[in-house]
Amino acid sequence: MNQYCSGLDITLGDASHVEEIARFQVDMAMESEGLSLDYERVLRGVGSVLADKAKGQYVIAKVGEVIVGCLMITREWSDWNCCWYWWIQSVYVQPSFRARGIYKAMYGRVLELAKAAGVSQIRLYVDKDNSPAQVVYKKLGMAECHYCMYEVELHSVAKANGE
């Protein structure tokens, strides 16, 4: 139970949550980056993660039977340190449930799972213009690191999905 949100339950996502998680991802992309994602494509992507834990796993927040937030954990092996790092990504909390400790509770569950699994570090990336999220991460003890992120697009998403 969470002190800010009565009836809050933090658990791992499963196939029964695929539609809600996919909708959250579409909403999050539009809100945080102004990106319009194809729901059906995201639905397939989320379903793929839920079917294969090697790709990641979702942590969900429920109030009663209603899912109000989620995040995804992916893994990275560090050859430098001979240990696992976990990445938090795809974070979303429904607007009407924000500032009620939902993300804090999900993050706490991630820390518990990571400690039990012997994970060395928890990392995440955030859009550089998403100041509200950055404030939350800092309040929870995360610090900005010295890495910058770069990428190259090798093919369009539509092409990668056989469309």
Protein backbone atom coordinates (compact mmCIF):
# COMPACT_ATOMS: atom_id res chain seq x y z
CA MET A 1 0.00 0.00 0.00
CA ASN A 2 1.24 3.47 -0.83
CA GLN A 3 0.90 6.45 1.51
CA TYR A 4 -0.24 8.71 -1.35
CA CYS A 5 -2.50 6.42 -3.32
CA SER A 6 -4.84 4.07 -1.47
CA GLY A 7 -5.07 0.54 -2.85
CA LEU A 8 -1.90 0.75 -4.93
CA ASP A 9 -0.40 -2.58 -6.01
CA ILE A 10 2.93 -2.88 -7.86
CA THR A 11 3.41 -6.08 -9.79
CA LEU A 12 4.98 -7.50 -12.96
CA GLY A 13 3.04 -7.16 -16.16
CA ASP A 14 1.73 -10.15 -18.09
CA ALA A 15 -0.08 -10.81 -21.36
CA SER A 16 -3.40 -9.66 -19.88
CA HIS A 17 -1.97 -6.13 -19.61
CA VAL A 18 -0.78 -5.77 -23.21
CA GLU A 19 -3.47 -3.35 -24.41
CA GLU A 20 -3.17 -0.94 -21.47
CA ILE A 21 0.64 -0.91 -21.63
CA ALA A 22 0.56 -0.27 -25.39
CA ARG A 23 -1.91 2.61 -24.95
CA PHE A 24 0.32 4.11 -22.25
CA GLN A 25 3.32 3.97 -24.59
CA VAL A 26 1.43 5.74 -27.37
CA ASP A 27 0.25 8.41 -24.90
CA MET A 28 3.73 8.81 -23.39
CA ALA A 29 5.39 9.31 -26.79
CA MET A 30 2.89 11.99 -27.76
CA GLU A 31 3.09 13.78 -24.42
CA SER A 32 6.85 13.70 -23.87
CA GLU A 33 8.21 13.95 -27.42
CA GLY A 34 5.29 14.93 -29.65
CA LEU A 35 5.58 11.60 -31.50
CA SER A 36 2.52 9.89 -32.94
CA LEU A 37 3.10 6.14 -32.71
CA ASP A 38 1.11 3.46 -34.51
CA TYR A 39 -0.89 1.69 -31.78
CA GLU A 40 -0.96 -1.66 -33.60
CA ARG A 41 2.83 -1.63 -34.01
CA VAL A 42 3.31 -0.71 -30.34
CA LEU A 43 0.84 -3.44 -29.36
CA ARG A 44 2.99 -5.99 -31.22
CA GLY A 45 6.13 -4.59 -29.57
CA VAL A 46 4.69 -4.76 -26.07
CA GLY A 47 3.33 -8.25 -26.74
CA SER A 48 6.78 -9.32 -27.87
CA VAL A 49 8.32 -8.19 -24.59
CA LEU A 50 5.60 -9.88 -22.54
CA ALA A 51 6.18 -13.13 -24.46
CA ASP A 52 9.98 -13.06 -24.12
CA LYS A 53 11.56 -11.97 -20.82
CA ALA A 54 14.96 -11.79 -22.53
CA LYS A 55 13.64 -8.62 -24.20
CA GLY A 56 12.54 -7.05 -20.93
CA GLN A 57 9.75 -7.00 -18.43
CA TYR A 58 7.11 -4.53 -17.34
CA VAL A 59 6.37 -3.31 -13.85
CA ILE A 60 2.80 -2.08 -13.53
CA ALA A 61 0.97 -0.02 -10.94
CA LYS A 62 -2.67 -0.86 -10.27
CA VAL A 63 -5.27 0.84 -8.14
CA GLY A 64 -7.88 -1.80 -7.63
CA GLU A 65 -8.12 -3.45 -11.05
CA VAL A 66 -7.17 -0.33 -13.01
CA ILE A 67 -3.63 -0.01 -14.36
CA VAL A 68 -2.46 3.54 -13.68
CA GLY A 69 1.23 3.32 -14.60
CA CYS A 70 3.99 1.18 -16.02
CA LEU A 71 7.64 1.03 -16.87
CA MET A 72 9.85 -1.44 -18.70
CA ILE A 73 13.12 -2.93 -17.50
CA THR A 74 15.75 -4.03 -20.01
CA ARG A 75 19.17 -5.49 -19.28
CA GLU A 76 22.69 -4.60 -20.37
CA TRP A 77 25.78 -6.70 -19.68
CA SER A 78 28.89 -4.74 -18.66
CA ASP A 79 32.08 -6.44 -19.77
CA TRP A 80 34.05 -3.73 -17.95
CA ASN A 81 32.48 -4.62 -14.60
CA CYS A 82 31.34 -8.20 -15.24
CA CYS A 83 27.83 -7.45 -14.05
CA TRP A 84 24.33 -6.55 -15.17
CA TYR A 85 22.93 -3.05 -15.50
CA TRP A 86 19.20 -2.57 -15.73
CA TRP A 87 17.62 0.20 -17.78
CA ILE A 88 14.29 1.74 -16.87
CA GLN A 89 12.41 2.90 -19.94
CA SER A 90 8.91 3.47 -21.26
CA VAL A 91 7.80 5.13 -18.01
CA TYR A 92 4.20 6.31 -17.90
CA VAL A 93 1.76 7.29 -15.17
CA GLN A 94 -1.76 8.39 -16.04
CA PRO A 95 -2.01 12.17 -15.60
CA SER A 96 -4.79 11.95 -12.99
CA PHE A 97 -2.53 9.74 -10.83
CA ARG A 98 0.65 11.82 -11.00
CA ALA A 99 2.22 13.35 -7.89
CA ARG A 100 0.73 10.54 -5.81
CA GLY A 101 3.81 8.35 -5.42
CA ILE A 102 3.03 5.95 -8.29
CA TYR A 103 6.42 6.18 -10.00
CA LYS A 104 8.21 6.18 -6.64
CA ALA A 105 6.48 2.89 -5.76
CA MET A 106 7.33 1.33 -9.15
CA TYR A 107 10.94 2.50 -8.82
CA GLY A 108 11.09 0.99 -5.33
CA ARG A 109 9.92 -2.35 -6.74
CA VAL A 110 12.58 -2.18 -9.47
CA LEU A 111 15.25 -1.59 -6.81
CA GLU A 112 14.00 -4.61 -4.83
CA LEU A 113 14.06 -6.84 -7.91
CA ALA A 114 17.49 -5.56 -8.97
CA LYS A 115 19.05 -6.10 -5.56
CA ALA A 116 17.64 -9.64 -5.44
CA ALA A 117 19.10 -10.31 -8.91
CA GLY A 118 22.55 -8.91 -8.05
CA VAL A 119 22.26 -6.02 -10.51
CA SER A 120 25.06 -3.46 -10.24
CA GLN A 121 23.39 -0.29 -11.57
CA ILE A 122 20.00 1.08 -12.56
CA ARG A 123 20.07 3.48 -15.50
CA LEU A 124 17.56 5.38 -17.56
CA TYR A 125 17.48 7.96 -20.30
CA VAL A 126 15.09 10.85 -20.46
CA ASP A 127 14.34 13.43 -23.13
CA LYS A 128 16.52 16.45 -22.39
CA ASP A 129 13.44 18.71 -22.46
CA ASN A 130 11.44 16.57 -20.00
CA SER A 131 12.29 18.61 -16.91
CA PRO A 132 9.43 17.31 -14.72
CA ALA A 133 10.67 13.72 -15.10
CA GLN A 134 14.26 14.77 -14.42
CA VAL A 135 13.19 16.39 -11.14
CA VAL A 136 11.46 13.17 -10.06
CA TYR A 137 14.49 11.01 -10.89
CA LYS A 138 16.81 13.31 -8.96
CA LYS A 139 14.46 13.33 -5.94
CA LEU A 140 14.69 9.53 -5.88
CA GLY A 141 18.49 9.63 -5.71
CA MET A 142 19.42 9.18 -9.36
CA ALA A 143 22.17 11.41 -10.71
CA GLU A 144 22.89 12.66 -14.21
CA CYS A 145 25.87 10.73 -15.55
CA HIS A 146 28.66 11.83 -17.84
CA TYR A 147 27.52 9.92 -20.95
CA CYS A 148 25.80 11.46 -23.96
CA MET A 149 23.60 9.30 -26.13
CA TYR A 150 24.02 8.99 -29.92
CA GLU A 151 22.08 7.00 -32.49
CA VAL A 152 21.87 6.22 -36.17
CA GLU A 153 18.76 5.01 -37.97
CA LEU A 154 19.62 2.04 -40.18
CA HIS A 155 16.16 1.62 -41.67
CA SER A 156 12.72 2.99 -41.10
CA VAL A 157 10.52 1.39 -38.46
CA ALA A 158 7.96 0.48 -41.11
CA LYS A 159 10.59 -1.35 -43.15
CA ALA A 160 11.88 -3.17 -40.06
CA ASN A 161 8.37 -4.41 -39.37
CA GLY A 162 7.87 -5.71 -42.92
CA GLU A 163 5.36 -3.05 -43.92
